[in-house]
Amino acid sequence: MSYAFRDTELAARRLIYLAGVFADTTRDFVIEAIADTPGLVIDLGCGPGCTTRLLAEATGCPDVVGLDESEYFLSIAAKGAPDGLRFIQHDVTVTPFPAGPADLMFCRYLLTHIGDPAGCIAGWATQLKPGGLLLCEEDDRLEVANPVFREYIDIVTGMLAAQSNTLEIGPILDNVADSAGLTKVASSVIEVRPPDHESATMFYMNIQTWKHNRFILDNYESARIEDLEARLKAASEHESRESTMEFHLRRLVFRR
């Protein structure tokens, strides 16, 4: 699996920051989706473990496993992990998993980095217990009024497309249940509007991780990327209540 934003120390800080921005909406989603305490939860692409901890808290599950390909991210995730949390190095596009079958699996902002999301979900379905749930959160669409954010999103969209990935993947995922052998039991879109300095901080961290990507070097002048980076940095340092970035998140619940 190719992750455009890499697994450096900066990339880890970016994922931790992103987790804070979306923590409340994700927690609500998980709590609303489950009826009983699951026996085993798997966090797909757990990164530095923020979502893994959130899943443990939200579900009360005694056994929560975070899977990720990055040894570096897992080393961060494992620090101070309480009893009941396990972290295992594994490429989540490859089944079977080293743990399972699971009662509940979760991913957020993962399928946007996968070239064959339907095929990947079909593989994940085999790792669920009968009746087990798969919860996914991904961008359905982005509404951007800020021209700096718009330029950033356009560049990222092109970079991901060059890797056969899709940024606004929600509508695609909304139609994969039958082909993946799952039943779609819920699908909704919610709007999240962080303050502009939070969006700018996420994007500023991101651009530092991918500005040396081969696609970027081949298609954009370095001066343009450096200027965009500087404008995002400036926006990240100016706290305000203004919000010109709307994340419309697709929330999907599949059952095996």
Protein backbone atom coordinates (compact mmCIF):
# COMPACT_ATOMS: atom_id res chain seq x y z
CA MET A 1 0.00 0.00 0.00
CA SER A 2 1.40 3.41 -1.00
CA TYR A 3 0.66 6.20 1.48
CA ALA A 4 1.11 9.63 -0.10
CA PHE A 5 1.73 11.41 3.22
CA ARG A 6 4.56 9.06 4.32
CA ASP A 7 5.36 7.90 7.86
CA THR A 8 7.82 10.46 9.17
CA GLU A 9 7.76 12.17 12.57
CA LEU A 10 5.98 15.09 10.94
CA ALA A 11 3.44 12.76 9.33
CA ALA A 12 2.75 11.25 12.75
CA ARG A 13 2.19 14.68 14.27
CA ARG A 14 -0.14 15.48 11.39
CA LEU A 15 -2.21 12.34 12.05
CA ILE A 16 -2.38 13.12 15.76
CA TYR A 17 -3.58 16.64 14.97
CA LEU A 18 -6.16 15.36 12.48
CA ALA A 19 -7.41 12.89 15.08
CA GLY A 20 -8.08 15.76 17.46
CA VAL A 21 -10.03 17.71 14.83
CA PHE A 22 -12.33 14.76 14.01
CA ALA A 23 -12.41 12.97 17.39
CA ASP A 24 -15.88 14.11 18.49
CA THR A 25 -17.62 13.27 15.22
CA THR A 26 -15.92 9.88 15.01
CA ARG A 27 -16.77 9.02 18.61
CA ASP A 28 -20.43 9.86 17.99
CA PHE A 29 -20.43 7.76 14.82
CA VAL A 30 -19.02 4.69 16.55
CA ILE A 31 -21.33 4.92 19.55
CA GLU A 32 -24.40 5.31 17.33
CA ALA A 33 -23.40 2.36 15.11
CA ILE A 34 -22.96 -0.33 17.77
CA ALA A 35 -25.68 -1.97 19.82
CA ASP A 36 -23.53 -4.20 22.04
CA THR A 37 -19.97 -4.24 23.32
CA PRO A 38 -17.85 -6.02 20.70
CA GLY A 39 -15.44 -8.76 21.72
CA LEU A 40 -12.74 -7.77 19.24
CA VAL A 41 -12.25 -4.47 17.40
CA ILE A 42 -9.72 -3.92 14.62
CA ASP A 43 -8.55 -0.42 13.72
CA LEU A 44 -7.50 -0.52 10.07
CA GLY A 45 -4.53 1.69 9.26
CA CYS A 46 -4.24 2.80 12.87
CA GLY A 47 -1.26 5.12 12.37
CA PRO A 48 0.03 6.44 15.72
CA GLY A 49 -2.92 4.88 17.54
CA CYS A 50 -5.27 7.80 18.22
CA THR A 51 -8.28 6.12 16.64
CA THR A 52 -7.40 2.83 18.35
CA ARG A 53 -7.65 4.48 21.75
CA LEU A 54 -10.85 6.24 20.72
CA LEU A 55 -12.37 2.91 19.66
CA ALA A 56 -11.47 1.33 22.98
CA GLU A 57 -13.10 4.19 24.89
CA ALA A 58 -16.20 4.43 22.70
CA THR A 59 -16.94 0.71 22.54
CA GLY A 60 -15.72 -0.52 25.92
CA CYS A 61 -14.17 -3.44 24.05
CA PRO A 62 -11.61 -5.44 26.07
CA ASP A 63 -9.52 -6.31 22.99
CA VAL A 64 -8.75 -3.61 20.42
CA VAL A 65 -6.10 -4.22 17.77
CA GLY A 66 -4.47 -1.55 15.62
CA LEU A 67 -3.05 -2.69 12.29
CA ASP A 68 -0.61 -0.59 10.29
CA GLU A 69 2.24 -1.20 7.87
CA SER A 70 4.45 1.49 9.41
CA GLU A 71 6.82 0.28 12.11
CA TYR A 72 7.43 3.91 13.09
CA PHE A 73 3.76 4.74 13.58
CA LEU A 74 3.29 1.56 15.62
CA SER A 75 6.21 2.43 17.89
CA ILE A 76 4.39 5.66 18.77
CA ALA A 77 1.05 3.91 19.14
CA ALA A 78 2.41 1.32 21.55
CA LYS A 79 3.90 3.84 24.00
CA GLY A 80 1.87 3.78 27.18
CA ALA A 81 -0.82 1.59 25.61
CA PRO A 82 -3.22 0.38 28.32
CA ASP A 83 -4.24 -3.24 28.79
CA GLY A 84 -6.56 -4.36 26.03
CA LEU A 85 -4.80 -2.45 23.24
CA ARG A 86 -2.53 -4.32 20.83
CA PHE A 87 -0.64 -3.02 17.82
CA ILE A 88 0.51 -5.31 15.01
CA GLN A 89 2.51 -4.49 11.88
CA HIS A 90 0.49 -5.57 8.87
CA ASP A 91 -0.51 -4.26 5.42
CA VAL A 92 -4.29 -3.91 5.72
CA THR A 93 -4.75 -4.55 2.00
CA VAL A 94 -3.57 -8.12 2.60
CA THR A 95 -5.77 -10.78 4.17
CA PRO A 96 -5.97 -12.79 6.32
CA PHE A 97 -5.20 -10.50 9.23
CA PRO A 98 -2.97 -11.58 12.13
CA ALA A 99 -5.94 -11.08 14.48
CA GLY A 100 -9.59 -11.88 14.15
CA PRO A 101 -12.21 -12.55 13.06
CA ALA A 102 -13.50 -9.24 14.41
CA ASP A 103 -16.85 -8.08 15.68
CA LEU A 104 -16.10 -4.54 14.54
CA MET A 105 -13.61 -3.01 12.11
CA PHE A 106 -13.09 0.70 11.55
CA CYS A 107 -11.22 2.94 9.14
CA ARG A 108 -11.06 6.69 8.61
CA TYR A 109 -9.30 8.46 5.73
CA LEU A 110 -7.78 5.17 4.61
CA LEU A 111 -9.72 4.05 1.53
CA THR A 112 -8.90 7.33 -0.21
CA HIS A 113 -5.32 5.96 -0.42
CA ILE A 114 -6.31 2.57 -1.84
CA GLY A 115 -6.57 2.03 -5.58
CA ASP A 116 -9.12 -0.79 -5.42
CA PRO A 117 -11.41 0.09 -2.49
CA ALA A 118 -14.13 -2.41 -3.44
CA GLY A 119 -11.65 -5.26 -3.65
CA CYS A 120 -10.06 -4.23 -0.38
CA ILE A 121 -13.42 -4.10 1.41
CA ALA A 122 -14.28 -7.53 0.01
CA GLY A 123 -11.11 -8.85 1.61
CA TRP A 124 -11.94 -7.13 4.90
CA ALA A 125 -15.39 -8.74 4.87
CA THR A 126 -13.75 -12.16 5.18
CA GLN A 127 -12.12 -11.02 8.42
CA LEU A 128 -15.42 -10.17 10.11
CA LYS A 129 -17.49 -12.55 12.18
CA PRO A 130 -20.99 -13.23 10.80
CA GLY A 131 -22.99 -10.19 11.82
CA GLY A 132 -19.79 -8.17 12.34
CA LEU A 133 -19.67 -4.51 11.36
CA LEU A 134 -17.32 -2.46 9.19
CA LEU A 135 -17.43 1.31 9.80
CA CYS A 136 -15.87 3.72 7.29
CA GLU A 137 -15.45 7.50 7.34
CA GLU A 138 -14.18 9.22 4.19
CA ASP A 139 -14.61 12.51 2.35
CA ASP A 140 -17.77 12.55 0.27
CA ARG A 141 -17.18 16.04 -1.03
CA LEU A 142 -15.26 19.14 -0.03
CA GLU A 143 -16.68 22.63 -0.30
CA VAL A 144 -13.93 25.23 -0.27
CA ALA A 145 -14.39 28.99 -0.30
CA ASN A 146 -10.82 29.88 0.66
CA PRO A 147 -8.61 30.18 -2.47
CA VAL A 148 -5.52 28.96 -0.61
CA PHE A 149 -7.34 25.83 0.53
CA ARG A 150 -8.80 25.39 -2.95
CA GLU A 151 -5.34 25.38 -4.53
CA TYR A 152 -4.13 22.87 -1.97
CA ILE A 153 -7.11 20.53 -2.52
CA ASP A 154 -6.72 20.69 -6.31
CA ILE A 155 -3.07 19.68 -6.08
CA VAL A 156 -3.75 16.83 -3.65
CA THR A 157 -6.60 15.59 -5.85
CA GLY A 158 -4.24 15.40 -8.81
CA MET A 159 -1.48 13.73 -6.82
CA LEU A 160 -3.81 11.04 -5.50
CA ALA A 161 -5.36 10.50 -8.94
CA ALA A 162 -1.86 9.90 -10.34
CA GLN A 163 -1.59 7.04 -7.84
CA SER A 164 -5.03 5.70 -8.86
CA ASN A 165 -6.51 7.02 -5.60
CA THR A 166 -9.59 9.19 -5.05
CA LEU A 167 -9.91 12.09 -2.62
CA GLU A 168 -13.71 12.49 -2.62
CA ILE A 169 -14.32 8.75 -2.46
CA GLY A 170 -17.57 8.69 -0.48
CA PRO A 171 -19.94 8.28 -3.46
CA ILE A 172 -17.86 5.34 -4.74
CA LEU A 173 -17.94 3.60 -1.37
CA ASP A 174 -21.69 4.07 -1.15
CA ASN A 175 -22.07 1.48 -3.93
CA VAL A 176 -19.61 -1.25 -2.97
CA ALA A 177 -21.60 -3.31 -0.44
CA ASP A 178 -23.10 -5.90 -2.79
CA SER A 179 -19.88 -6.53 -4.68
CA ALA A 180 -17.98 -6.87 -1.41
CA GLY A 181 -20.37 -9.42 0.08
CA LEU A 182 -21.62 -7.05 2.74
CA THR A 183 -24.95 -5.47 3.55
CA LYS A 184 -25.02 -1.70 3.81
CA VAL A 185 -27.04 -0.93 6.92
CA ALA A 186 -26.41 2.81 7.16
CA SER A 187 -25.05 5.57 4.96
CA SER A 188 -25.10 9.26 5.80
CA VAL A 189 -23.16 12.43 5.20
CA ILE A 190 -22.34 14.91 7.92
CA GLU A 191 -20.77 18.34 7.61
CA VAL A 192 -17.69 19.21 9.63
CA ARG A 193 -16.47 22.82 9.56
CA PRO A 194 -13.27 23.28 11.56
CA PRO A 195 -11.95 26.78 12.15
CA ASP A 196 -9.72 27.86 9.29
CA HIS A 197 -6.56 27.74 11.40
CA GLU A 198 -7.20 24.04 12.08
CA SER A 199 -7.68 23.23 8.40
CA ALA A 200 -4.60 25.30 7.57
CA THR A 201 -2.55 23.46 10.20
CA MET A 202 -3.52 20.07 8.79
CA PHE A 203 -2.76 21.17 5.24
CA TYR A 204 0.52 22.85 6.23
CA MET A 205 1.70 19.66 7.89
CA ASN A 206 0.58 17.65 4.86
CA ILE A 207 2.33 19.76 2.26
CA GLN A 208 5.63 19.33 4.10
CA THR A 209 5.26 15.55 3.83
CA TRP A 210 4.42 15.40 0.11
CA LYS A 211 6.14 18.41 -1.49
CA HIS A 212 9.00 16.15 -2.64
CA ASN A 213 6.65 13.56 -4.13
CA ARG A 214 7.68 12.66 -7.69
CA PHE A 215 4.33 13.80 -9.11
CA ILE A 216 4.72 17.21 -7.46
CA LEU A 217 8.30 17.66 -8.67
CA ASP A 218 7.31 16.73 -12.22
CA ASN A 219 4.19 18.88 -12.46
CA TYR A 220 4.65 21.99 -10.31
CA GLU A 221 7.31 24.66 -10.04
CA SER A 222 9.00 24.58 -6.65
CA ALA A 223 8.31 28.29 -6.18
CA ARG A 224 4.57 27.69 -6.40
CA ILE A 225 4.64 24.91 -3.82
CA GLU A 226 6.86 26.96 -1.50
CA ASP A 227 4.48 29.92 -1.81
CA LEU A 228 1.46 27.73 -1.05
CA GLU A 229 3.28 26.25 1.94
CA ALA A 230 4.07 29.73 3.26
CA ARG A 231 0.44 30.87 2.88
CA LEU A 232 -0.83 27.77 4.69
CA LYS A 233 1.68 28.36 7.49
CA ALA A 234 0.52 31.95 7.86
CA ALA A 235 -3.13 30.85 7.97
CA SER A 236 -2.33 28.21 10.59
CA GLU A 237 -0.87 30.90 12.88
CA HIS A 238 -3.95 33.15 12.70
CA GLU A 239 -6.61 31.82 15.05
CA SER A 240 -10.19 32.83 14.28
CA ARG A 241 -13.69 31.42 14.31
CA GLU A 242 -14.03 31.78 10.55
CA SER A 243 -14.59 28.52 8.67
CA THR A 244 -14.31 28.46 4.89
CA MET A 245 -13.65 24.72 4.57
CA GLU A 246 -16.51 22.21 4.70
CA PHE A 247 -15.71 18.52 5.02
CA HIS A 248 -18.74 16.48 4.03
CA LEU A 249 -17.94 13.09 5.55
CA ARG A 250 -19.56 9.91 4.27
CA ARG A 251 -20.26 7.53 7.14
CA LEU A 252 -20.89 3.95 6.13
CA VAL A 253 -21.89 0.95 8.21
CA PHE A 254 -21.61 -2.47 6.56
CA ARG A 255 -22.63 -5.80 8.08
CA ARG A 256 -21.37 -9.22 7.13
